[in-house]
Amino acid sequence: MRSLGRRIELLKIIAHPVRVRILDELTKGVKCVTDFEEFLEISQPNVSQHLSLLRRYGVIDYYMDGRLRCYFLRDPIIPDIIKLLNKDYIEELPAPACCPVTKKGKYPGKRRH
């Protein structure tokens, strides 16, 4: 079982738009560096940096197919996280009718920012 600290560290590691897109693609199957270059539209060295970081933390790994590095997911929580990130939420959670402690007060209807 993963400690809360390790879960938070994992979220920090994947919390980058490029890495989320990489992981999203890997939920669909094995990909090579050239596959990532095509849809990310960033340089090969930049793609490699992101892949290296994800591999260093055990999120992904690769195997060699000739000269190609073929990447795949290792961490079983990643598909769940990606699925959650891709989910559309239509509404906010409902506001409470009153304070749960005092049973008084009423939510004014607009949130203060």
PDB file of N, CA and C in Angstrom:
ATOM      1  N   MET A   1       0.833  -1.181   0.000  1.00  0.00           N
ATOM      2  CA  MET A   1       0.000   0.000   0.000  1.00  0.00           C
ATOM      3  C   MET A   1       0.880   1.247   0.000  1.00  0.00           C
ATOM      4  N   ARG A   2       0.466   2.231  -0.710  1.00  0.00           N
ATOM      5  CA  ARG A   2       1.217   3.461  -0.884  1.00  0.00           C
ATOM      6  C   ARG A   2       0.833   4.461   0.213  1.00  0.00           C
ATOM      7  N   SER A   3       1.825   5.071   0.847  1.00  0.00           N
ATOM      8  CA  SER A   3       1.553   6.063   1.886  1.00  0.00           C
ATOM      9  C   SER A   3       0.970   7.329   1.264  1.00  0.00           C
ATOM     10  N   LEU A   4       0.346   8.141   2.085  1.00  0.00           N
ATOM     11  CA  LEU A   4      -0.219   9.400   1.605  1.00  0.00           C
ATOM     12  C   LEU A   4       0.879  10.274   0.998  1.00  0.00           C
ATOM     13  N   GLY A   5       2.049  10.291   1.620  1.00  0.00           N
ATOM     14  CA  GLY A   5       3.168  11.075   1.101  1.00  0.00           C
ATOM     15  C   GLY A   5       3.578  10.632  -0.302  1.00  0.00           C
ATOM     16  N   ARG A   6       3.600   9.320  -0.530  1.00  0.00           N
ATOM     17  CA  ARG A   6       3.962   8.805  -1.858  1.00  0.00           C
ATOM     18  C   ARG A   6       2.875   9.101  -2.882  1.00  0.00           C
ATOM     19  N   ARG A   7       1.626   9.089  -2.457  1.00  0.00           N
ATOM     20  CA  ARG A   7       0.528   9.431  -3.374  1.00  0.00           C
ATOM     21  C   ARG A   7       0.611  10.899  -3.782  1.00  0.00           C
ATOM     22  N   ILE A   8       0.913  11.748  -2.818  1.00  0.00           N
ATOM     23  CA  ILE A   8       1.056  13.177  -3.113  1.00  0.00           C
ATOM     24  C   ILE A   8       2.242  13.405  -4.040  1.00  0.00           C
ATOM     25  N   GLU A   9       3.337  12.714  -3.794  1.00  0.00           N
ATOM     26  CA  GLU A   9       4.516  12.817  -4.663  1.00  0.00           C
ATOM     27  C   GLU A   9       4.169  12.391  -6.089  1.00  0.00           C
ATOM     28  N   LEU A  10       3.393  11.320  -6.230  1.00  0.00           N
ATOM     29  CA  LEU A  10       2.972  10.865  -7.557  1.00  0.00           C
ATOM     30  C   LEU A  10       2.166  11.959  -8.261  1.00  0.00           C
ATOM     31  N   LEU A  11       1.253  12.596  -7.548  1.00  0.00           N
ATOM     32  CA  LEU A  11       0.454  13.667  -8.150  1.00  0.00           C
ATOM     33  C   LEU A  11       1.342  14.819  -8.605  1.00  0.00           C
ATOM     34  N   LYS A  12       2.361  15.135  -7.827  1.00  0.00           N
ATOM     35  CA  LYS A  12       3.302  16.197  -8.216  1.00  0.00           C
ATOM     36  C   LYS A  12       4.056  15.817  -9.494  1.00  0.00           C
ATOM     37  N   ILE A  13       4.444  14.557  -9.589  1.00  0.00           N
ATOM     38  CA  ILE A  13       5.205  14.085 -10.751  1.00  0.00           C
ATOM     39  C   ILE A  13       4.365  14.162 -12.015  1.00  0.00           C
ATOM     40  N   ILE A  14       3.109  13.760 -11.950  1.00  0.00           N
ATOM     41  CA  ILE A  14       2.301  13.724 -13.167  1.00  0.00           C
ATOM     42  C   ILE A  14       1.615  15.051 -13.465  1.00  0.00           C
ATOM     43  N   ALA A  15       1.669  16.006 -12.543  1.00  0.00           N
ATOM     44  CA  ALA A  15       0.939  17.276 -12.689  1.00  0.00           C
ATOM     45  C   ALA A  15       1.628  18.245 -13.651  1.00  0.00           C
ATOM     46  N   HIS A  16       1.698  17.852 -14.886  1.00  0.00           N
ATOM     47  CA  HIS A  16       2.227  18.711 -15.947  1.00  0.00           C
ATOM     48  C   HIS A  16       1.429  18.365 -17.204  1.00  0.00           C
ATOM     49  N   PRO A  17       0.981  19.353 -17.963  1.00  0.00           N
ATOM     50  CA  PRO A  17       0.140  19.055 -19.132  1.00  0.00           C
ATOM     51  C   PRO A  17       0.736  18.031 -20.097  1.00  0.00           C
ATOM     52  N   VAL A  18       2.028  18.116 -20.356  1.00  0.00           N
ATOM     53  CA  VAL A  18       2.657  17.166 -21.283  1.00  0.00           C
ATOM     54  C   VAL A  18       2.646  15.761 -20.696  1.00  0.00           C
ATOM     55  N   ARG A  19       2.972  15.639 -19.404  1.00  0.00           N
ATOM     56  CA  ARG A  19       2.999  14.313 -18.786  1.00  0.00           C
ATOM     57  C   ARG A  19       1.602  13.705 -18.701  1.00  0.00           C
ATOM     58  N   VAL A  20       0.595  14.521 -18.445  1.00  0.00           N
ATOM     59  CA  VAL A  20      -0.778  14.008 -18.426  1.00  0.00           C
ATOM     60  C   VAL A  20      -1.160  13.497 -19.807  1.00  0.00           C
ATOM     61  N   ARG A  21      -0.789  14.218 -20.845  1.00  0.00           N
ATOM     62  CA  ARG A  21      -1.092  13.763 -22.216  1.00  0.00           C
ATOM     63  C   ARG A  21      -0.340  12.477 -22.558  1.00  0.00           C
ATOM     64  N   ILE A  22       0.913  12.374 -22.108  1.00  0.00           N
ATOM     65  CA  ILE A  22       1.684  11.144 -22.321  1.00  0.00           C
ATOM     66  C   ILE A  22       0.987   9.971 -21.641  1.00  0.00           C
ATOM     67  N   LEU A  23       0.612  10.159 -20.391  1.00  0.00           N
ATOM     68  CA  LEU A  23      -0.023   9.080 -19.642  1.00  0.00           C
ATOM     69  C   LEU A  23      -1.386   8.719 -20.227  1.00  0.00           C
ATOM     70  N   ASP A  24      -2.105   9.723 -20.697  1.00  0.00           N
ATOM     71  CA  ASP A  24      -3.394   9.467 -21.341  1.00  0.00           C
ATOM     72  C   ASP A  24      -3.196   8.563 -22.556  1.00  0.00           C
ATOM     73  N   GLU A  25      -2.189   8.852 -23.361  1.00  0.00           N
ATOM     74  CA  GLU A  25      -1.895   8.017 -24.531  1.00  0.00           C
ATOM     75  C   GLU A  25      -1.479   6.606 -24.126  1.00  0.00           C
ATOM     76  N   LEU A  26      -0.709   6.503 -23.054  1.00  0.00           N
ATOM     77  CA  LEU A  26      -0.244   5.184 -22.628  1.00  0.00           C
ATOM     78  C   LEU A  26      -1.374   4.334 -22.052  1.00  0.00           C
ATOM     79  N   THR A  27      -2.463   4.954 -21.601  1.00  0.00           N
ATOM     80  CA  THR A  27      -3.611   4.148 -21.153  1.00  0.00           C
ATOM     81  C   THR A  27      -4.232   3.404 -22.337  1.00  0.00           C
ATOM     82  N   LYS A  28      -3.937   3.868 -23.561  1.00  0.00           N
ATOM     83  CA  LYS A  28      -4.469   3.236 -24.774  1.00  0.00           C
ATOM     84  C   LYS A  28      -3.556   2.138 -25.302  1.00  0.00           C
ATOM     85  N   GLY A  29      -2.324   2.063 -24.762  1.00  0.00           N
ATOM     86  CA  GLY A  29      -1.397   1.020 -25.193  1.00  0.00           C
ATOM     87  C   GLY A  29       0.027   1.523 -25.301  1.00  0.00           C
ATOM     88  N   VAL A  30       0.917   0.636 -25.704  1.00  0.00           N
ATOM     89  CA  VAL A  30       2.354   0.916 -25.835  1.00  0.00           C
ATOM     90  C   VAL A  30       2.584   1.973 -26.909  1.00  0.00           C
ATOM     91  N   LYS A  31       3.500   2.904 -26.620  1.00  0.00           N
ATOM     92  CA  LYS A  31       3.849   3.965 -27.572  1.00  0.00           C
ATOM     93  C   LYS A  31       5.356   4.137 -27.619  1.00  0.00           C
ATOM     94  N   CYS A  32       5.855   4.537 -28.791  1.00  0.00           N
ATOM     95  CA  CYS A  32       7.277   4.843 -28.962  1.00  0.00           C
ATOM     96  C   CYS A  32       7.479   6.353 -28.926  1.00  0.00           C
ATOM     97  N   VAL A  33       8.717   6.790 -28.760  1.00  0.00           N
ATOM     98  CA  VAL A  33       9.023   8.222 -28.671  1.00  0.00           C
ATOM     99  C   VAL A  33       8.483   8.976 -29.881  1.00  0.00           C
ATOM    100  N   THR A  34       8.618   8.399 -31.070  1.00  0.00           N
ATOM    101  CA  THR A  34       8.142   9.087 -32.278  1.00  0.00           C
ATOM    102  C   THR A  34       6.631   9.296 -32.241  1.00  0.00           C
ATOM    103  N   ASP A  35       5.888   8.358 -31.626  1.00  0.00           N
ATOM    104  CA  ASP A  35       4.437   8.522 -31.478  1.00  0.00           C
ATOM    105  C   ASP A  35       4.136   9.769 -30.648  1.00  0.00           C
ATOM    106  N   PHE A  36       4.894   9.953 -29.586  1.00  0.00           N
ATOM    107  CA  PHE A  36       4.675  11.115 -28.711  1.00  0.00           C
ATOM    108  C   PHE A  36       5.026  12.417 -29.419  1.00  0.00           C
ATOM    109  N   GLU A  37       6.125  12.405 -30.151  1.00  0.00           N
ATOM    110  CA  GLU A  37       6.548  13.618 -30.871  1.00  0.00           C
ATOM    111  C   GLU A  37       5.452  14.113 -31.802  1.00  0.00           C
ATOM    112  N   GLU A  38       4.782  13.180 -32.467  1.00  0.00           N
ATOM    113  CA  GLU A  38       3.759  13.548 -33.451  1.00  0.00           C
ATOM    114  C   GLU A  38       2.577  14.269 -32.825  1.00  0.00           C
ATOM    115  N   PHE A  39       2.033  13.743 -31.725  1.00  0.00           N
ATOM    116  CA  PHE A  39       0.822  14.357 -31.189  1.00  0.00           C
ATOM    117  C   PHE A  39       1.104  15.443 -30.149  1.00  0.00           C
ATOM    118  N   LEU A  40       2.282  15.446 -29.543  1.00  0.00           N
ATOM    119  CA  LEU A  40       2.614  16.486 -28.563  1.00  0.00           C
ATOM    120  C   LEU A  40       3.139  17.750 -29.223  1.00  0.00           C
ATOM    121  N   GLU A  41       3.701  17.602 -30.405  1.00  0.00           N
ATOM    122  CA  GLU A  41       4.291  18.716 -31.144  1.00  0.00           C
ATOM    123  C   GLU A  41       5.367  19.442 -30.338  1.00  0.00           C
ATOM    124  N   ILE A  42       6.215  18.636 -29.672  1.00  0.00           N
ATOM    125  CA  ILE A  42       7.387  19.175 -28.982  1.00  0.00           C
ATOM    126  C   ILE A  42       8.595  18.365 -29.438  1.00  0.00           C
ATOM    127  N   SER A  43       9.778  18.863 -29.146  1.00  0.00           N
ATOM    128  CA  SER A  43      11.003  18.214 -29.626  1.00  0.00           C
ATOM    129  C   SER A  43      11.232  16.862 -28.955  1.00  0.00           C
ATOM    130  N   GLN A  44      11.995  16.026 -29.646  1.00  0.00           N
ATOM    131  CA  GLN A  44      12.327  14.705 -29.121  1.00  0.00           C
ATOM    132  C   GLN A  44      13.066  14.800 -27.781  1.00  0.00           C
ATOM    133  N   PRO A  45      14.039  15.722 -27.613  1.00  0.00           N
ATOM    134  CA  PRO A  45      14.697  15.821 -26.307  1.00  0.00           C
ATOM    135  C   PRO A  45      13.723  16.198 -25.181  1.00  0.00           C
ATOM    136  N   ASN A  46      12.759  17.061 -25.483  1.00  0.00           N
ATOM    137  CA  ASN A  46      11.773  17.447 -24.470  1.00  0.00           C
ATOM    138  C   ASN A  46      10.880  16.259 -24.113  1.00  0.00           C
ATOM    139  N   VAL A  47      10.439  15.509 -25.113  1.00  0.00           N
ATOM    140  CA  VAL A  47       9.647  14.303 -24.867  1.00  0.00           C
ATOM    141  C   VAL A  47      10.451  13.343 -23.996  1.00  0.00           C
ATOM    142  N   SER A  48      11.719  13.145 -24.330  1.00  0.00           N
ATOM    143  CA  SER A  48      12.574  12.227 -23.585  1.00  0.00           C
ATOM    144  C   SER A  48      12.738  12.651 -22.131  1.00  0.00           C
ATOM    145  N   GLN A  49      12.819  13.951 -21.878  1.00  0.00           N
ATOM    146  CA  GLN A  49      12.929  14.436 -20.500  1.00  0.00           C
ATOM    147  C   GLN A  49      11.693  14.047 -19.686  1.00  0.00           C
ATOM    148  N   HIS A  50      10.515  14.241 -20.259  1.00  0.00           N
ATOM    149  CA  HIS A  50       9.281  13.886 -19.552  1.00  0.00           C
ATOM    150  C   HIS A  50       9.196  12.371 -19.333  1.00  0.00           C
ATOM    151  N   LEU A  51       9.541  11.601 -20.357  1.00  0.00           N
ATOM    152  CA  LEU A  51       9.515  10.144 -20.224  1.00  0.00           C
ATOM    153  C   LEU A  51      10.512   9.671 -19.176  1.00  0.00           C
ATOM    154  N   SER A  52      11.679  10.279 -19.151  1.00  0.00           N
ATOM    155  CA  SER A  52      12.709   9.913 -18.183  1.00  0.00           C
ATOM    156  C   SER A  52      12.238  10.156 -16.748  1.00  0.00           C
ATOM    157  N   LEU A  53      11.611  11.286 -16.521  1.00  0.00           N
ATOM    158  CA  LEU A  53      11.103  11.605 -15.181  1.00  0.00           C
ATOM    159  C   LEU A  53      10.033  10.590 -14.761  1.00  0.00           C
ATOM    160  N   LEU A  54       9.099  10.302 -15.648  1.00  0.00           N
ATOM    161  CA  LEU A  54       8.045   9.336 -15.330  1.00  0.00           C
ATOM    162  C   LEU A  54       8.621   7.943 -15.079  1.00  0.00           C
ATOM    163  N   ARG A  55       9.648   7.593 -15.815  1.00  0.00           N
ATOM    164  CA  ARG A  55      10.297   6.288 -15.627  1.00  0.00           C
ATOM    165  C   ARG A  55      11.073   6.241 -14.311  1.00  0.00           C
ATOM    166  N   ARG A  56      11.770   7.316 -13.986  1.00  0.00           N
ATOM    167  CA  ARG A  56      12.552   7.388 -12.745  1.00  0.00           C
ATOM    168  C   ARG A  56      11.666   7.156 -11.517  1.00  0.00           C
ATOM    169  N   TYR A  57      10.421   7.609 -11.578  1.00  0.00           N
ATOM    170  CA  TYR A  57       9.497   7.443 -10.459  1.00  0.00           C
ATOM    171  C   TYR A  57       8.645   6.184 -10.574  1.00  0.00           C
ATOM    172  N   GLY A  58       8.936   5.321 -11.541  1.00  0.00           N
ATOM    173  CA  GLY A  58       8.255   4.038 -11.638  1.00  0.00           C
ATOM    174  C   GLY A  58       6.849   4.088 -12.198  1.00  0.00           C
ATOM    175  N   VAL A  59       6.500   5.220 -12.813  1.00  0.00           N
ATOM    176  CA  VAL A  59       5.163   5.372 -13.375  1.00  0.00           C
ATOM    177  C   VAL A  59       5.066   4.613 -14.697  1.00  0.00           C
ATOM    178  N   ILE A  60       6.132   4.652 -15.477  1.00  0.00           N
ATOM    179  CA  ILE A  60       6.190   3.974 -16.771  1.00  0.00           C
ATOM    180  C   ILE A  60       7.499   3.197 -16.867  1.00  0.00           C
ATOM    181  N   ASP A  61       7.611   2.378 -17.899  1.00  0.00           N
ATOM    182  CA  ASP A  61       8.871   1.721 -18.222  1.00  0.00           C
ATOM    183  C   ASP A  61       8.896   1.515 -19.738  1.00  0.00           C
ATOM    184  N   TYR A  62       9.954   0.929 -20.242  1.00  0.00           N
ATOM    185  CA  TYR A  62      10.035   0.688 -21.681  1.00  0.00           C
ATOM    186  C   TYR A  62      10.752  -0.626 -21.946  1.00  0.00           C
ATOM    187  N   TYR A  63      10.606  -1.100 -23.168  1.00  0.00           N
ATOM    188  CA  TYR A  63      11.397  -2.219 -23.676  1.00  0.00           C
ATOM    189  C   TYR A  63      11.943  -1.788 -25.026  1.00  0.00           C
ATOM    190  N   MET A  64      13.022  -2.433 -25.432  1.00  0.00           N
ATOM    191  CA  MET A  64      13.654  -2.112 -26.707  1.00  0.00           C
ATOM    192  C   MET A  64      13.101  -3.019 -27.796  1.00  0.00           C
ATOM    193  N   ASP A  65      12.760  -2.406 -28.923  1.00  0.00           N
ATOM    194  CA  ASP A  65      12.349  -3.139 -30.117  1.00  0.00           C
ATOM    195  C   ASP A  65      13.263  -2.647 -31.229  1.00  0.00           C
ATOM    196  N   GLY A  66      14.361  -3.354 -31.398  1.00  0.00           N
ATOM    197  CA  GLY A  66      15.392  -2.864 -32.312  1.00  0.00           C
ATOM    198  C   GLY A  66      16.012  -1.619 -31.705  1.00  0.00           C
ATOM    199  N   ARG A  67      15.884  -0.491 -32.414  1.00  0.00           N
ATOM    200  CA  ARG A  67      16.415   0.779 -31.890  1.00  0.00           C
ATOM    201  C   ARG A  67      15.332   1.617 -31.208  1.00  0.00           C
ATOM    202  N   LEU A  68      14.104   1.136 -31.242  1.00  0.00           N
ATOM    203  CA  LEU A  68      12.994   1.897 -30.666  1.00  0.00           C
ATOM    204  C   LEU A  68      12.787   1.568 -29.196  1.00  0.00           C
ATOM    205  N   ARG A  69      12.506   2.608 -28.414  1.00  0.00           N
ATOM    206  CA  ARG A  69      12.085   2.416 -27.041  1.00  0.00           C
ATOM    207  C   ARG A  69      10.562   2.484 -27.027  1.00  0.00           C
ATOM    208  N   CYS A  70       9.949   1.415 -26.560  1.00  0.00           N
ATOM    209  CA  CYS A  70       8.495   1.323 -26.527  1.00  0.00           C
ATOM    210  C   CYS A  70       8.046   1.435 -25.067  1.00  0.00           C
ATOM    211  N   TYR A  71       7.303   2.477 -24.770  1.00  0.00           N
ATOM    212  CA  TYR A  71       6.915   2.799 -23.398  1.00  0.00           C
ATOM    213  C   TYR A  71       5.547   2.235 -23.053  1.00  0.00           C
ATOM    214  N   PHE A  72       5.389   1.888 -21.771  1.00  0.00           N
ATOM    215  CA  PHE A  72       4.120   1.359 -21.274  1.00  0.00           C
ATOM    216  C   PHE A  72       3.941   1.773 -19.809  1.00  0.00           C
ATOM    217  N   LEU A  73       2.707   1.732 -19.348  1.00  0.00           N
ATOM    218  CA  LEU A  73       2.395   2.084 -17.963  1.00  0.00           C
ATOM    219  C   LEU A  73       2.818   0.975 -17.017  1.00  0.00           C
ATOM    220  N   ARG A  74       3.277   1.354 -15.836  1.00  0.00           N
ATOM    221  CA  ARG A  74       3.603   0.388 -14.782  1.00  0.00           C
ATOM    222  C   ARG A  74       2.725   0.597 -13.562  1.00  0.00           C
ATOM    223  N   ASP A  75       2.420   1.858 -13.248  1.00  0.00           N
ATOM    224  CA  ASP A  75       1.687   2.152 -12.023  1.00  0.00           C
ATOM    225  C   ASP A  75       0.191   1.942 -12.250  1.00  0.00           C
ATOM    226  N   PRO A  76      -0.431   1.042 -11.502  1.00  0.00           N
ATOM    227  CA  PRO A  76      -1.832   0.699 -11.743  1.00  0.00           C
ATOM    228  C   PRO A  76      -2.837   1.810 -11.414  1.00  0.00           C
ATOM    229  N   ILE A  77      -2.427   2.831 -10.701  1.00  0.00           N
ATOM    230  CA  ILE A  77      -3.356   3.912 -10.358  1.00  0.00           C
ATOM    231  C   ILE A  77      -3.526   4.920 -11.509  1.00  0.00           C
ATOM    232  N   ILE A  78      -2.599   4.937 -12.438  1.00  0.00           N
ATOM    233  CA  ILE A  78      -2.605   5.936 -13.510  1.00  0.00           C
ATOM    234  C   ILE A  78      -3.880   5.904 -14.362  1.00  0.00           C
ATOM    235  N   PRO A  79      -4.352   4.749 -14.829  1.00  0.00           N
ATOM    236  CA  PRO A  79      -5.602   4.779 -15.610  1.00  0.00           C
ATOM    237  C   PRO A  79      -6.775   5.394 -14.843  1.00  0.00           C
ATOM    238  N   ASP A  80      -6.839   5.132 -13.532  1.00  0.00           N
ATOM    239  CA  ASP A  80      -7.917   5.715 -12.720  1.00  0.00           C
ATOM    240  C   ASP A  80      -7.785   7.231 -12.637  1.00  0.00           C
ATOM    241  N   ILE A  81      -6.564   7.720 -12.440  1.00  0.00           N
ATOM    242  CA  ILE A  81      -6.341   9.167 -12.358  1.00  0.00           C
ATOM    243  C   ILE A  81      -6.684   9.834 -13.687  1.00  0.00           C
ATOM    244  N   ILE A  82      -6.238   9.246 -14.786  1.00  0.00           N
ATOM    245  CA  ILE A  82      -6.509   9.816 -16.115  1.00  0.00           C
ATOM    246  C   ILE A  82      -8.014   9.822 -16.394  1.00  0.00           C
ATOM    247  N   LYS A  83      -8.679   8.753 -16.039  1.00  0.00           N
ATOM    248  CA  LYS A  83     -10.132   8.678 -16.233  1.00  0.00           C
ATOM    249  C   LYS A  83     -10.831   9.791 -15.448  1.00  0.00           C
ATOM    250  N   LEU A  84     -10.400  10.015 -14.237  1.00  0.00           N
ATOM    251  CA  LEU A  84     -10.976  11.072 -13.401  1.00  0.00           C
ATOM    252  C   LEU A  84     -10.707  12.456 -13.997  1.00  0.00           C
ATOM    253  N   LEU A  85      -9.486  12.679 -14.484  1.00  0.00           N
ATOM    254  CA  LEU A  85      -9.146  13.969 -15.085  1.00  0.00           C
ATOM    255  C   LEU A  85      -9.936  14.239 -16.362  1.00  0.00           C
ATOM    256  N   ASN A  86     -10.282  13.188 -17.075  1.00  0.00           N
ATOM    257  CA  ASN A  86     -11.019  13.344 -18.331  1.00  0.00           C
ATOM    258  C   ASN A  86     -12.530  13.446 -18.143  1.00  0.00           C
ATOM    259  N   LYS A  87     -12.996  13.199 -16.938  1.00  0.00           N
ATOM    260  CA  LYS A  87     -14.438  13.213 -16.666  1.00  0.00           C
ATOM    261  C   LYS A  87     -14.967  14.642 -16.663  1.00  0.00           C
ATOM    262  N   ASP A  88     -16.133  14.832 -17.267  1.00  0.00           N
ATOM    263  CA  ASP A  88     -16.795  16.137 -17.263  1.00  0.00           C
ATOM    264  C   ASP A  88     -17.785  16.196 -16.101  1.00  0.00           C
ATOM    265  N   TYR A  89     -17.663  17.235 -15.324  1.00  0.00           N
ATOM    266  CA  TYR A  89     -18.592  17.463 -14.223  1.00  0.00           C
ATOM    267  C   TYR A  89     -19.481  18.632 -14.621  1.00  0.00           C
ATOM    268  N   ILE A  90     -20.776  18.398 -14.650  1.00  0.00           N
ATOM    269  CA  ILE A  90     -21.714  19.398 -15.142  1.00  0.00           C
ATOM    270  C   ILE A  90     -22.069  20.429 -14.071  1.00  0.00           C
ATOM    271  N   GLU A  91     -22.230  19.990 -12.845  1.00  0.00           N
ATOM    272  CA  GLU A  91     -22.681  20.898 -11.799  1.00  0.00           C
ATOM    273  C   GLU A  91     -21.725  20.886 -10.610  1.00  0.00           C
ATOM    274  N   GLU A  92     -21.813  21.956  -9.819  1.00  0.00           N
ATOM    275  CA  GLU A  92     -21.090  22.000  -8.552  1.00  0.00           C
ATOM    276  C   GLU A  92     -21.861  21.181  -7.531  1.00  0.00           C
ATOM    277  N   LEU A  93     -21.204  20.855  -6.433  1.00  0.00           N
ATOM    278  CA  LEU A  93     -21.897  20.176  -5.348  1.00  0.00           C
ATOM    279  C   LEU A  93     -22.914  21.128  -4.737  1.00  0.00           C
ATOM    280  N   PRO A  94     -24.032  20.620  -4.224  1.00  0.00           N
ATOM    281  CA  PRO A  94     -25.031  21.507  -3.630  1.00  0.00           C
ATOM    282  C   PRO A  94     -24.525  22.135  -2.344  1.00  0.00           C
ATOM    283  N   ALA A  95     -24.978  23.356  -2.086  1.00  0.00           N
ATOM    284  CA  ALA A  95     -24.604  24.063  -0.857  1.00  0.00           C
ATOM    285  C   ALA A  95     -25.414  23.510   0.312  1.00  0.00           C
ATOM    286  N   PRO A  96     -24.878  23.578   1.527  1.00  0.00           N
ATOM    287  CA  PRO A  96     -25.636  23.102   2.683  1.00  0.00           C
ATOM    288  C   PRO A  96     -26.808  24.039   2.980  1.00  0.00           C
ATOM    289  N   ALA A  97     -27.867  23.468   3.549  1.00  0.00           N
ATOM    290  CA  ALA A  97     -29.038  24.279   3.897  1.00  0.00           C
ATOM    291  C   ALA A  97     -28.731  25.197   5.075  1.00  0.00           C
ATOM    292  N   CYS A  98     -27.882  24.726   5.990  1.00  0.00           N
ATOM    293  CA  CYS A  98     -27.504  25.542   7.155  1.00  0.00           C
ATOM    294  C   CYS A  98     -26.204  25.006   7.720  1.00  0.00           C
ATOM    295  N   CYS A  99     -25.728  25.643   8.770  1.00  0.00           N
ATOM    296  CA  CYS A  99     -24.499  25.190   9.437  1.00  0.00           C
ATOM    297  C   CYS A  99     -24.775  23.849  10.111  1.00  0.00           C
ATOM    298  N   PRO A 100     -23.962  22.821   9.866  1.00  0.00           N
ATOM    299  CA  PRO A 100     -24.218  21.513  10.466  1.00  0.00           C
ATOM    300  C   PRO A 100     -24.011  21.489  11.983  1.00  0.00           C
ATOM    301  N   VAL A 101     -23.296  22.468  12.522  1.00  0.00           N
ATOM    302  CA  VAL A 101     -23.037  22.497  13.956  1.00  0.00           C
ATOM    303  C   VAL A 101     -24.138  23.242  14.702  1.00  0.00           C
ATOM    304  N   THR A 102     -24.404  24.474  14.277  1.00  0.00           N
ATOM    305  CA  THR A 102     -25.378  25.301  15.002  1.00  0.00           C
ATOM    306  C   THR A 102     -26.804  25.101  14.497  1.00  0.00           C
ATOM    307  N   LYS A 103     -26.935  24.525  13.313  1.00  0.00           N
ATOM    308  CA  LYS A 103     -28.229  24.347  12.649  1.00  0.00           C
ATOM    309  C   LYS A 103     -28.898  25.685  12.346  1.00  0.00           C
ATOM    310  N   LYS A 104     -28.070  26.736  12.248  1.00  0.00           N
ATOM    311  CA  LYS A 104     -28.574  28.061  11.930  1.00  0.00           C
ATOM    312  C   LYS A 104     -27.881  28.572  10.682  1.00  0.00           C
ATOM    313  N   GLY A 105     -28.312  29.719  10.239  1.00  0.00           N
ATOM    314  CA  GLY A 105     -27.688  30.337   9.084  1.00  0.00           C
ATOM    315  C   GLY A 105     -28.237  29.764   7.799  1.00  0.00           C
ATOM    316  N   LYS A 106     -28.012  30.482   6.749  1.00  0.00           N
ATOM    317  CA  LYS A 106     -28.493  30.049   5.447  1.00  0.00           C
ATOM    318  C   LYS A 106     -27.472  30.464   4.406  1.00  0.00           C
ATOM    319  N   TYR A 107     -27.196  29.596   3.477  1.00  0.00           N
ATOM    320  CA  TYR A 107     -26.265  29.892   2.395  1.00  0.00           C
ATOM    321  C   TYR A 107     -26.874  30.971   1.522  1.00  0.00           C
ATOM    322  N   PRO A 108     -26.127  32.087   1.298  1.00  0.00           N
ATOM    323  CA  PRO A 108     -26.685  33.225   0.572  1.00  0.00           C
ATOM    324  C   PRO A 108     -26.869  33.008  -0.924  1.00  0.00           C
ATOM    325  N   GLY A 109     -26.317  31.966  -1.466  1.00  0.00           N
ATOM    326  CA  GLY A 109     -26.540  31.682  -2.887  1.00  0.00           C
ATOM    327  C   GLY A 109     -25.378  32.037  -3.793  1.00  0.00           C
ATOM    328  N   LYS A 110     -24.538  32.952  -3.418  1.00  0.00           N
ATOM    329  CA  LYS A 110     -23.370  33.280  -4.236  1.00  0.00           C
ATOM    330  C   LYS A 110     -22.119  33.145  -3.400  1.00  0.00           C
ATOM    331  N   ARG A 111     -21.123  32.535  -3.983  1.00  0.00           N
ATOM    332  CA  ARG A 111     -19.865  32.345  -3.253  1.00  0.00           C
ATOM    333  C   ARG A 111     -19.019  33.611  -3.333  1.00  0.00           C
ATOM    334  N   ARG A 112     -18.329  33.871  -2.275  1.00  0.00           N
ATOM    335  CA  ARG A 112     -17.386  34.994  -2.266  1.00  0.00           C
ATOM    336  C   ARG A 112     -16.044  34.482  -2.740  1.00  0.00           C
ATOM    337  N   HIS A 113     -15.382  35.270  -3.570  1.00  0.00           N
ATOM    338  CA  HIS A 113     -14.065  34.847  -4.082  1.00  0.00           C
ATOM    339  C   HIS A 113     -12.981  35.679  -3.482  1.00  0.00           C
TER     340      HIS A 113
END
